[in-house]
Amino acid sequence: MASSNASNDFSLQGKSALVVGAEHSVGRAAAVTLAEAGARVVLASQEPGTDKRLKEVAKLVNAAGTKPLIRVQDAAMRADLSATADLAAKELGGLHILVNALDTPAYGPAETNDDTAFDKIMENNLKTVWMSCQEGARVMLRQGGGVIVNITSVLAERGVANAALYCAAKAAVLNLTRALALEWARKGIRVNAVEAGWLDDESSPANKGDEFSKTMLKYLPYHRLVKPEELGGALLYLVSPAAGFVTGESIAVDGGLRARV
């Protein structure tokens, strides 16, 4: 049961956090949320060549009250993920929180996706998460526990035309989250997920101003897209002491989209 001091339940003072995919809008929002709650943060990229975007995120984290570490890496390379997890533990005195904001949108007719497309989409949206969870857990198991949150999509539970492989990869992340939660429950690691709705960012196909976008906005219960920062509350809950007995769960931040038929 949560303590009587609700503010302490949501405080991350003294905690260290690693955000993988911090160059993305969702990773940026996650990093700022964690910093505002008092955590020390490592900003790690999904892809190399994103130095400028990481520095922009670092400015926001600084403004939130903590000076972050920046780690430009390739999340498709296990050696990079391993080195980043070790860096976080060494420089921040441990790795208490891992947020995987790994995402590479992929849309197109199913009949045009060849095996190369399959491998790329699965690697960028599933394998990277799998390897990051493994490397983060390696450090957490050594120190006696931690918290992992995988940010996925409502497309993990809802299909959409022209995104078959992307939907499949996101669904795999959701069930991976559940399975790891069971496996690591007695080892002190909680694993949960946040399912993002259609995002209001540059990568979203629902934000292009075309016919698909107009149709989607009419369909959405609130007639608008999800702002990345709106994921912060769900994320903070899942990584905080308030959710100390919550594992293997997912919270959808989608404006009621999953409630629709």
C-alpha atoms as a PDB file:
ATOM      1  CA  MET A   1       0.000   0.000   0.000  1.00  0.00           C
ATOM      2  CA  ALA A   2       1.260   3.508  -0.781  1.00  0.00           C
ATOM      3  CA  SER A   3       2.595   5.559   2.099  1.00  0.00           C
ATOM      4  CA  SER A   4       0.562   8.381   3.592  1.00  0.00           C
ATOM      5  CA  ASN A   5       2.860  10.978   2.028  1.00  0.00           C
ATOM      6  CA  ALA A   6       1.670  11.097  -1.571  1.00  0.00           C
ATOM      7  CA  SER A   7       4.360  13.532  -2.669  1.00  0.00           C
ATOM      8  CA  ASN A   8       7.068  11.081  -1.620  1.00  0.00           C
ATOM      9  CA  ASP A   9       5.332   8.308  -3.538  1.00  0.00           C
ATOM     10  CA  PHE A  10       5.996  10.188  -6.764  1.00  0.00           C
ATOM     11  CA  SER A  11       9.437  11.538  -5.935  1.00  0.00           C
ATOM     12  CA  LEU A  12      12.465  10.209  -7.810  1.00  0.00           C
ATOM     13  CA  GLN A  13      15.032  11.991  -5.657  1.00  0.00           C
ATOM     14  CA  GLY A  14      18.219   9.946  -5.442  1.00  0.00           C
ATOM     15  CA  LYS A  15      17.268   7.800  -8.435  1.00  0.00           C
ATOM     16  CA  SER A  16      19.183   7.486 -11.695  1.00  0.00           C
ATOM     17  CA  ALA A  17      17.428   6.988 -14.995  1.00  0.00           C
ATOM     18  CA  LEU A  18      18.426   6.037 -18.508  1.00  0.00           C
ATOM     19  CA  VAL A  19      16.245   7.074 -21.444  1.00  0.00           C
ATOM     20  CA  VAL A  20      17.037   5.210 -24.654  1.00  0.00           C
ATOM     21  CA  GLY A  21      15.642   6.959 -27.719  1.00  0.00           C
ATOM     22  CA  ALA A  22      15.851  10.360 -26.056  1.00  0.00           C
ATOM     23  CA  GLU A  23      16.058  12.142 -29.405  1.00  0.00           C
ATOM     24  CA  HIS A  24      12.427  11.237 -30.145  1.00  0.00           C
ATOM     25  CA  SER A  25       9.538  13.403 -28.943  1.00  0.00           C
ATOM     26  CA  VAL A  26       8.407  10.695 -26.525  1.00  0.00           C
ATOM     27  CA  GLY A  27      11.936  10.191 -25.197  1.00  0.00           C
ATOM     28  CA  ARG A  28      12.276  13.933 -24.711  1.00  0.00           C
ATOM     29  CA  ALA A  29       9.027  14.069 -22.741  1.00  0.00           C
ATOM     30  CA  ALA A  30      10.130  11.084 -20.641  1.00  0.00           C
ATOM     31  CA  ALA A  31      13.489  12.648 -19.808  1.00  0.00           C
ATOM     32  CA  VAL A  32      11.930  15.946 -18.732  1.00  0.00           C
ATOM     33  CA  THR A  33       9.323  14.149 -16.612  1.00  0.00           C
ATOM     34  CA  LEU A  34      11.980  12.115 -14.805  1.00  0.00           C
ATOM     35  CA  ALA A  35      14.158  15.173 -14.218  1.00  0.00           C
ATOM     36  CA  GLU A  36      11.256  17.205 -12.852  1.00  0.00           C
ATOM     37  CA  ALA A  37      10.600  14.403 -10.337  1.00  0.00           C
ATOM     38  CA  GLY A  38      14.218  14.597  -9.147  1.00  0.00           C
ATOM     39  CA  ALA A  39      15.991  11.819 -11.058  1.00  0.00           C
ATOM     40  CA  ARG A  40      19.444  12.120 -12.552  1.00  0.00           C
ATOM     41  CA  VAL A  41      19.226  11.295 -16.227  1.00  0.00           C
ATOM     42  CA  VAL A  42      21.318   9.782 -19.008  1.00  0.00           C
ATOM     43  CA  LEU A  43      20.094  10.689 -22.491  1.00  0.00           C
ATOM     44  CA  ALA A  44      20.935   7.939 -24.983  1.00  0.00           C
ATOM     45  CA  SER A  45      20.061   7.958 -28.648  1.00  0.00           C
ATOM     46  CA  GLN A  46      18.441   5.292 -30.760  1.00  0.00           C
ATOM     47  CA  GLU A  47      20.543   6.242 -33.746  1.00  0.00           C
ATOM     48  CA  PRO A  48      23.928   7.916 -34.252  1.00  0.00           C
ATOM     49  CA  GLY A  49      24.012  11.342 -35.872  1.00  0.00           C
ATOM     50  CA  THR A  50      21.424  12.721 -33.468  1.00  0.00           C
ATOM     51  CA  ASP A  51      23.828  14.825 -31.391  1.00  0.00           C
ATOM     52  CA  LYS A  52      22.016  18.084 -32.074  1.00  0.00           C
ATOM     53  CA  ARG A  53      18.630  16.717 -31.054  1.00  0.00           C
ATOM     54  CA  LEU A  54      20.059  15.215 -27.858  1.00  0.00           C
ATOM     55  CA  LYS A  55      21.627  18.554 -26.945  1.00  0.00           C
ATOM     56  CA  GLU A  56      18.239  20.218 -27.375  1.00  0.00           C
ATOM     57  CA  VAL A  57      16.714  17.652 -25.020  1.00  0.00           C
ATOM     58  CA  ALA A  58      19.586  18.221 -22.584  1.00  0.00           C
ATOM     59  CA  LYS A  59      18.688  21.923 -22.389  1.00  0.00           C
ATOM     60  CA  LEU A  60      15.137  21.038 -21.382  1.00  0.00           C
ATOM     61  CA  VAL A  61      16.367  18.546 -18.770  1.00  0.00           C
ATOM     62  CA  ASN A  62      18.738  21.188 -17.432  1.00  0.00           C
ATOM     63  CA  ALA A  63      15.841  23.603 -17.105  1.00  0.00           C
ATOM     64  CA  ALA A  64      13.938  20.892 -15.208  1.00  0.00           C
ATOM     65  CA  GLY A  65      16.645  20.881 -12.551  1.00  0.00           C
ATOM     66  CA  THR A  66      19.323  18.341 -13.376  1.00  0.00           C
ATOM     67  CA  LYS A  67      22.347  18.216 -15.646  1.00  0.00           C
ATOM     68  CA  PRO A  68      22.070  15.112 -17.846  1.00  0.00           C
ATOM     69  CA  LEU A  69      24.728  12.920 -19.377  1.00  0.00           C
ATOM     70  CA  ILE A  70      24.555  12.534 -23.160  1.00  0.00           C
ATOM     71  CA  ARG A  71      25.388   9.287 -24.884  1.00  0.00           C
ATOM     72  CA  VAL A  72      25.204   9.101 -28.671  1.00  0.00           C
ATOM     73  CA  GLN A  73      24.837   5.438 -29.594  1.00  0.00           C
ATOM     74  CA  ASP A  74      23.313   2.983 -32.026  1.00  0.00           C
ATOM     75  CA  ALA A  75      20.621   1.005 -30.198  1.00  0.00           C
ATOM     76  CA  ALA A  76      20.839  -1.700 -32.841  1.00  0.00           C
ATOM     77  CA  MET A  77      24.324  -2.509 -31.512  1.00  0.00           C
ATOM     78  CA  ARG A  78      24.363  -4.556 -28.313  1.00  0.00           C
ATOM     79  CA  ALA A  79      27.860  -3.321 -27.451  1.00  0.00           C
ATOM     80  CA  ASP A  80      26.568   0.257 -27.433  1.00  0.00           C
ATOM     81  CA  LEU A  81      23.615  -0.584 -25.200  1.00  0.00           C
ATOM     82  CA  SER A  82      25.864  -2.504 -22.827  1.00  0.00           C
ATOM     83  CA  ALA A  83      28.362   0.351 -22.587  1.00  0.00           C
ATOM     84  CA  THR A  84      25.555   2.862 -21.996  1.00  0.00           C
ATOM     85  CA  ALA A  85      24.033   0.836 -19.154  1.00  0.00           C
ATOM     86  CA  ASP A  86      27.456   0.516 -17.543  1.00  0.00           C
ATOM     87  CA  LEU A  87      28.081   4.241 -17.985  1.00  0.00           C
ATOM     88  CA  ALA A  88      24.824   5.114 -16.258  1.00  0.00           C
ATOM     89  CA  ALA A  89      25.626   2.826 -13.339  1.00  0.00           C
ATOM     90  CA  LYS A  90      29.175   4.132 -12.993  1.00  0.00           C
ATOM     91  CA  GLU A  91      28.505   7.854 -13.364  1.00  0.00           C
ATOM     92  CA  LEU A  92      25.211   8.007 -11.468  1.00  0.00           C
ATOM     93  CA  GLY A  93      25.849   5.383  -8.818  1.00  0.00           C
ATOM     94  CA  GLY A  94      23.420   2.806 -10.166  1.00  0.00           C
ATOM     95  CA  LEU A  95      20.668   2.307 -12.710  1.00  0.00           C
ATOM     96  CA  HIS A  96      17.265   2.489 -11.062  1.00  0.00           C
ATOM     97  CA  ILE A  97      15.056   3.365 -14.032  1.00  0.00           C
ATOM     98  CA  LEU A  98      15.232   2.426 -17.710  1.00  0.00           C
ATOM     99  CA  VAL A  99      12.829   3.936 -20.229  1.00  0.00           C
ATOM    100  CA  ASN A 100      12.886   2.528 -23.750  1.00  0.00           C
ATOM    101  CA  ALA A 101      11.451   5.113 -26.153  1.00  0.00           C
ATOM    102  CA  LEU A 102      12.596   3.182 -29.197  1.00  0.00           C
ATOM    103  CA  ASP A 103      10.540   3.711 -32.318  1.00  0.00           C
ATOM    104  CA  THR A 104      10.921   3.728 -36.082  1.00  0.00           C
ATOM    105  CA  PRO A 105       7.559   4.252 -37.823  1.00  0.00           C
ATOM    106  CA  ALA A 106       7.023   2.123 -40.920  1.00  0.00           C
ATOM    107  CA  TYR A 107       4.005   2.316 -43.165  1.00  0.00           C
ATOM    108  CA  GLY A 108       3.172   0.834 -46.553  1.00  0.00           C
ATOM    109  CA  PRO A 109       1.100  -1.887 -48.231  1.00  0.00           C
ATOM    110  CA  ALA A 110       1.781  -5.361 -46.844  1.00  0.00           C
ATOM    111  CA  GLU A 111       2.336  -6.823 -50.291  1.00  0.00           C
ATOM    112  CA  THR A 112       5.274  -4.475 -50.931  1.00  0.00           C
ATOM    113  CA  ASN A 113       7.183  -5.369 -47.746  1.00  0.00           C
ATOM    114  CA  ASP A 114      10.001  -7.782 -48.536  1.00  0.00           C
ATOM    115  CA  ASP A 115      12.208  -9.705 -46.123  1.00  0.00           C
ATOM    116  CA  THR A 116      14.632  -6.796 -45.851  1.00  0.00           C
ATOM    117  CA  ALA A 117      11.795  -4.524 -44.712  1.00  0.00           C
ATOM    118  CA  PHE A 118      10.675  -7.164 -42.220  1.00  0.00           C
ATOM    119  CA  ASP A 119      14.144  -7.440 -40.695  1.00  0.00           C
ATOM    120  CA  LYS A 120      14.589  -3.676 -40.473  1.00  0.00           C
ATOM    121  CA  ILE A 121      11.198  -2.969 -38.898  1.00  0.00           C
ATOM    122  CA  MET A 122      11.573  -5.766 -36.361  1.00  0.00           C
ATOM    123  CA  GLU A 123      15.105  -4.735 -35.486  1.00  0.00           C
ATOM    124  CA  ASN A 124      14.281  -1.068 -34.977  1.00  0.00           C
ATOM    125  CA  ASN A 125      11.040  -1.599 -33.040  1.00  0.00           C
ATOM    126  CA  LEU A 126      11.492  -4.925 -31.230  1.00  0.00           C
ATOM    127  CA  LYS A 127      15.058  -6.199 -31.163  1.00  0.00           C
ATOM    128  CA  THR A 128      16.402  -2.891 -29.881  1.00  0.00           C
ATOM    129  CA  VAL A 129      13.906  -2.997 -26.996  1.00  0.00           C
ATOM    130  CA  TRP A 130      14.781  -6.606 -26.245  1.00  0.00           C
ATOM    131  CA  MET A 131      18.515  -5.887 -26.123  1.00  0.00           C
ATOM    132  CA  SER A 132      18.058  -2.715 -24.086  1.00  0.00           C
ATOM    133  CA  CYS A 133      15.925  -4.578 -21.541  1.00  0.00           C
ATOM    134  CA  GLN A 134      18.568  -7.286 -21.290  1.00  0.00           C
ATOM    135  CA  GLU A 135      21.461  -4.874 -20.820  1.00  0.00           C
ATOM    136  CA  GLY A 136      19.567  -2.684 -18.374  1.00  0.00           C
ATOM    137  CA  ALA A 137      18.463  -5.715 -16.382  1.00  0.00           C
ATOM    138  CA  ARG A 138      22.035  -6.995 -16.276  1.00  0.00           C
ATOM    139  CA  VAL A 139      22.967  -3.928 -14.245  1.00  0.00           C
ATOM    140  CA  MET A 140      19.748  -3.943 -12.209  1.00  0.00           C
ATOM    141  CA  LEU A 141      20.091  -7.595 -11.246  1.00  0.00           C
ATOM    142  CA  ARG A 142      23.575  -6.892  -9.999  1.00  0.00           C
ATOM    143  CA  GLN A 143      22.363  -4.048  -7.791  1.00  0.00           C
ATOM    144  CA  GLY A 144      19.203  -5.815  -6.574  1.00  0.00           C
ATOM    145  CA  GLY A 145      16.404  -4.377  -8.696  1.00  0.00           C
ATOM    146  CA  GLY A 146      15.047  -1.554 -10.782  1.00  0.00           C
ATOM    147  CA  VAL A 147      12.202  -0.427 -13.015  1.00  0.00           C
ATOM    148  CA  ILE A 148      11.826  -0.714 -16.787  1.00  0.00           C
ATOM    149  CA  VAL A 149       9.153   1.010 -18.858  1.00  0.00           C
ATOM    150  CA  ASN A 150       8.786   0.254 -22.552  1.00  0.00           C
ATOM    151  CA  ILE A 151       6.946   2.934 -24.485  1.00  0.00           C
ATOM    152  CA  THR A 152       5.004   1.285 -27.279  1.00  0.00           C
ATOM    153  CA  SER A 153       1.881   2.156 -29.262  1.00  0.00           C
ATOM    154  CA  VAL A 154      -1.840   1.468 -29.113  1.00  0.00           C
ATOM    155  CA  LEU A 155      -1.163  -0.281 -32.413  1.00  0.00           C
ATOM    156  CA  ALA A 156       0.139  -3.085 -30.184  1.00  0.00           C
ATOM    157  CA  GLU A 157      -3.539  -3.888 -29.643  1.00  0.00           C
ATOM    158  CA  ARG A 158      -5.217  -2.387 -32.684  1.00  0.00           C
ATOM    159  CA  GLY A 159      -4.417  -3.158 -36.283  1.00  0.00           C
ATOM    160  CA  VAL A 160      -4.323  -0.488 -38.949  1.00  0.00           C
ATOM    161  CA  ALA A 161      -4.094  -0.851 -42.702  1.00  0.00           C
ATOM    162  CA  ASN A 162      -0.673  -0.335 -44.288  1.00  0.00           C
ATOM    163  CA  ALA A 163       1.201  -0.933 -41.047  1.00  0.00           C
ATOM    164  CA  ALA A 164       1.143  -4.708 -40.579  1.00  0.00           C
ATOM    165  CA  LEU A 165       4.773  -5.179 -39.604  1.00  0.00           C
ATOM    166  CA  TYR A 166       4.851  -2.101 -37.376  1.00  0.00           C
ATOM    167  CA  CYS A 167       1.726  -3.301 -35.549  1.00  0.00           C
ATOM    168  CA  ALA A 168       3.260  -6.759 -35.147  1.00  0.00           C
ATOM    169  CA  ALA A 169       6.470  -5.330 -33.700  1.00  0.00           C
ATOM    170  CA  LYS A 170       4.611  -3.129 -31.210  1.00  0.00           C
ATOM    171  CA  ALA A 171       2.443  -6.061 -30.122  1.00  0.00           C
ATOM    172  CA  ALA A 172       5.592  -8.087 -29.561  1.00  0.00           C
ATOM    173  CA  VAL A 173       7.005  -5.355 -27.312  1.00  0.00           C
ATOM    174  CA  LEU A 174       3.823  -5.422 -25.228  1.00  0.00           C
ATOM    175  CA  ASN A 175       3.949  -9.178 -24.675  1.00  0.00           C
ATOM    176  CA  LEU A 176       7.703  -9.060 -24.128  1.00  0.00           C
ATOM    177  CA  THR A 177       6.986  -6.591 -21.337  1.00  0.00           C
ATOM    178  CA  ARG A 178       4.542  -9.004 -19.703  1.00  0.00           C
ATOM    179  CA  ALA A 179       6.872 -11.990 -19.982  1.00  0.00           C
ATOM    180  CA  LEU A 180       9.893 -10.132 -18.573  1.00  0.00           C
ATOM    181  CA  ALA A 181       7.750  -8.828 -15.713  1.00  0.00           C
ATOM    182  CA  LEU A 182       6.959 -12.399 -14.709  1.00  0.00           C
ATOM    183  CA  GLU A 183      10.524 -13.588 -15.121  1.00  0.00           C
ATOM    184  CA  TRP A 184      12.088 -10.808 -13.075  1.00  0.00           C
ATOM    185  CA  ALA A 185       9.363 -10.238 -10.467  1.00  0.00           C
ATOM    186  CA  ARG A 186      11.195 -12.160  -7.739  1.00  0.00           C
ATOM    187  CA  LYS A 187      14.466 -10.514  -8.683  1.00  0.00           C
ATOM    188  CA  GLY A 188      13.300  -6.997  -7.885  1.00  0.00           C
ATOM    189  CA  ILE A 189      12.726  -5.661 -11.399  1.00  0.00           C
ATOM    190  CA  ARG A 190       9.348  -4.270 -12.407  1.00  0.00           C
ATOM    191  CA  VAL A 191       8.570  -4.074 -16.136  1.00  0.00           C
ATOM    192  CA  ASN A 192       5.619  -2.130 -17.525  1.00  0.00           C
ATOM    193  CA  ALA A 193       4.554  -0.362 -20.704  1.00  0.00           C
ATOM    194  CA  VAL A 194       2.967   2.877 -21.834  1.00  0.00           C
ATOM    195  CA  GLU A 195       0.891   2.645 -25.005  1.00  0.00           C
ATOM    196  CA  ALA A 196       0.915   5.939 -26.867  1.00  0.00           C
ATOM    197  CA  GLY A 197      -1.978   6.967 -29.071  1.00  0.00           C
ATOM    198  CA  TRP A 198      -1.536   8.765 -32.381  1.00  0.00           C
ATOM    199  CA  LEU A 199       1.118  11.339 -31.557  1.00  0.00           C
ATOM    200  CA  ASP A 200       1.244  15.008 -32.376  1.00  0.00           C
ATOM    201  CA  ASP A 201       4.818  14.975 -33.660  1.00  0.00           C
ATOM    202  CA  GLU A 202       6.718  15.130 -36.909  1.00  0.00           C
ATOM    203  CA  SER A 203       6.922  11.345 -37.350  1.00  0.00           C
ATOM    204  CA  SER A 204       3.202  10.649 -37.118  1.00  0.00           C
ATOM    205  CA  PRO A 205       1.339   9.857 -40.344  1.00  0.00           C
ATOM    206  CA  ALA A 206      -1.736  11.309 -38.628  1.00  0.00           C
ATOM    207  CA  ASN A 207      -0.040  14.709 -38.568  1.00  0.00           C
ATOM    208  CA  LYS A 208       0.590  15.247 -42.277  1.00  0.00           C
ATOM    209  CA  GLY A 209      -2.482  17.239 -43.200  1.00  0.00           C
ATOM    210  CA  ASP A 210      -3.517  14.718 -45.851  1.00  0.00           C
ATOM    211  CA  GLU A 211      -6.722  12.734 -46.283  1.00  0.00           C
ATOM    212  CA  PHE A 212      -5.580  10.056 -43.805  1.00  0.00           C
ATOM    213  CA  SER A 213      -4.900  12.722 -41.173  1.00  0.00           C
ATOM    214  CA  LYS A 214      -8.310  14.331 -41.646  1.00  0.00           C
ATOM    215  CA  THR A 215     -10.065  10.974 -41.417  1.00  0.00           C
ATOM    216  CA  MET A 216      -8.112  10.020 -38.303  1.00  0.00           C
ATOM    217  CA  LEU A 217      -8.911  13.284 -36.518  1.00  0.00           C
ATOM    218  CA  LYS A 218     -12.614  12.762 -37.166  1.00  0.00           C
ATOM    219  CA  TYR A 219     -12.373   9.231 -35.751  1.00  0.00           C
ATOM    220  CA  LEU A 220     -10.464  10.099 -32.566  1.00  0.00           C
ATOM    221  CA  PRO A 221     -12.746  10.634 -29.523  1.00  0.00           C
ATOM    222  CA  TYR A 222     -11.172  14.031 -28.714  1.00  0.00           C
ATOM    223  CA  HIS A 223     -10.639  14.957 -32.368  1.00  0.00           C
ATOM    224  CA  ARG A 224      -6.979  15.640 -31.673  1.00  0.00           C
ATOM    225  CA  LEU A 225      -3.648  13.851 -31.412  1.00  0.00           C
ATOM    226  CA  VAL A 226      -1.771  12.998 -28.217  1.00  0.00           C
ATOM    227  CA  LYS A 227       0.829  15.527 -27.133  1.00  0.00           C
ATOM    228  CA  PRO A 228       4.063  13.679 -26.195  1.00  0.00           C
ATOM    229  CA  GLU A 229       4.191  15.379 -22.792  1.00  0.00           C
ATOM    230  CA  GLU A 230       0.788  13.882 -21.976  1.00  0.00           C
ATOM    231  CA  LEU A 231       2.543  10.530 -21.544  1.00  0.00           C
ATOM    232  CA  GLY A 232       4.471  11.930 -18.578  1.00  0.00           C
ATOM    233  CA  GLY A 233       1.907  11.252 -15.866  1.00  0.00           C
ATOM    234  CA  ALA A 234       1.524   7.576 -16.725  1.00  0.00           C
ATOM    235  CA  LEU A 235       5.283   7.171 -16.993  1.00  0.00           C
ATOM    236  CA  LEU A 236       5.953   8.871 -13.673  1.00  0.00           C
ATOM    237  CA  TYR A 237       3.421   6.646 -11.943  1.00  0.00           C
ATOM    238  CA  LEU A 238       4.929   3.457 -13.333  1.00  0.00           C
ATOM    239  CA  VAL A 239       8.518   4.307 -12.358  1.00  0.00           C
ATOM    240  CA  SER A 240       7.648   5.755  -8.955  1.00  0.00           C
ATOM    241  CA  PRO A 241       7.280   4.110  -5.530  1.00  0.00           C
ATOM    242  CA  ALA A 242       3.510   4.626  -5.903  1.00  0.00           C
ATOM    243  CA  ALA A 243       3.510   1.734  -8.396  1.00  0.00           C
ATOM    244  CA  GLY A 244       5.723  -0.473  -6.256  1.00  0.00           C
ATOM    245  CA  PHE A 245       3.451  -3.500  -6.703  1.00  0.00           C
ATOM    246  CA  VAL A 246       2.585  -2.871 -10.359  1.00  0.00           C
ATOM    247  CA  THR A 247       4.340  -4.987 -12.960  1.00  0.00           C
ATOM    248  CA  GLY A 248       3.434  -6.576 -16.285  1.00  0.00           C
ATOM    249  CA  GLU A 249       0.881  -3.856 -16.946  1.00  0.00           C
ATOM    250  CA  SER A 250       0.343  -1.270 -19.663  1.00  0.00           C
ATOM    251  CA  ILE A 251      -1.291   2.146 -19.520  1.00  0.00           C
ATOM    252  CA  ALA A 252      -2.747   3.561 -22.709  1.00  0.00           C
ATOM    253  CA  VAL A 253      -2.568   7.315 -23.173  1.00  0.00           C
ATOM    254  CA  ASP A 254      -4.746   7.572 -26.255  1.00  0.00           C
ATOM    255  CA  GLY A 255      -7.691   9.835 -25.486  1.00  0.00           C
ATOM    256  CA  GLY A 256     -10.087   6.888 -25.372  1.00  0.00           C
ATOM    257  CA  LEU A 257      -9.092   5.414 -28.739  1.00  0.00           C
ATOM    258  CA  ARG A 258      -9.008   1.804 -27.508  1.00  0.00           C
ATOM    259  CA  ALA A 259     -12.551   2.189 -26.167  1.00  0.00           C
ATOM    260  CA  ARG A 260     -13.867   2.646 -29.677  1.00  0.00           C
ATOM    261  CA  VAL A 261     -15.270  -0.243 -31.692  1.00  0.00           C
END
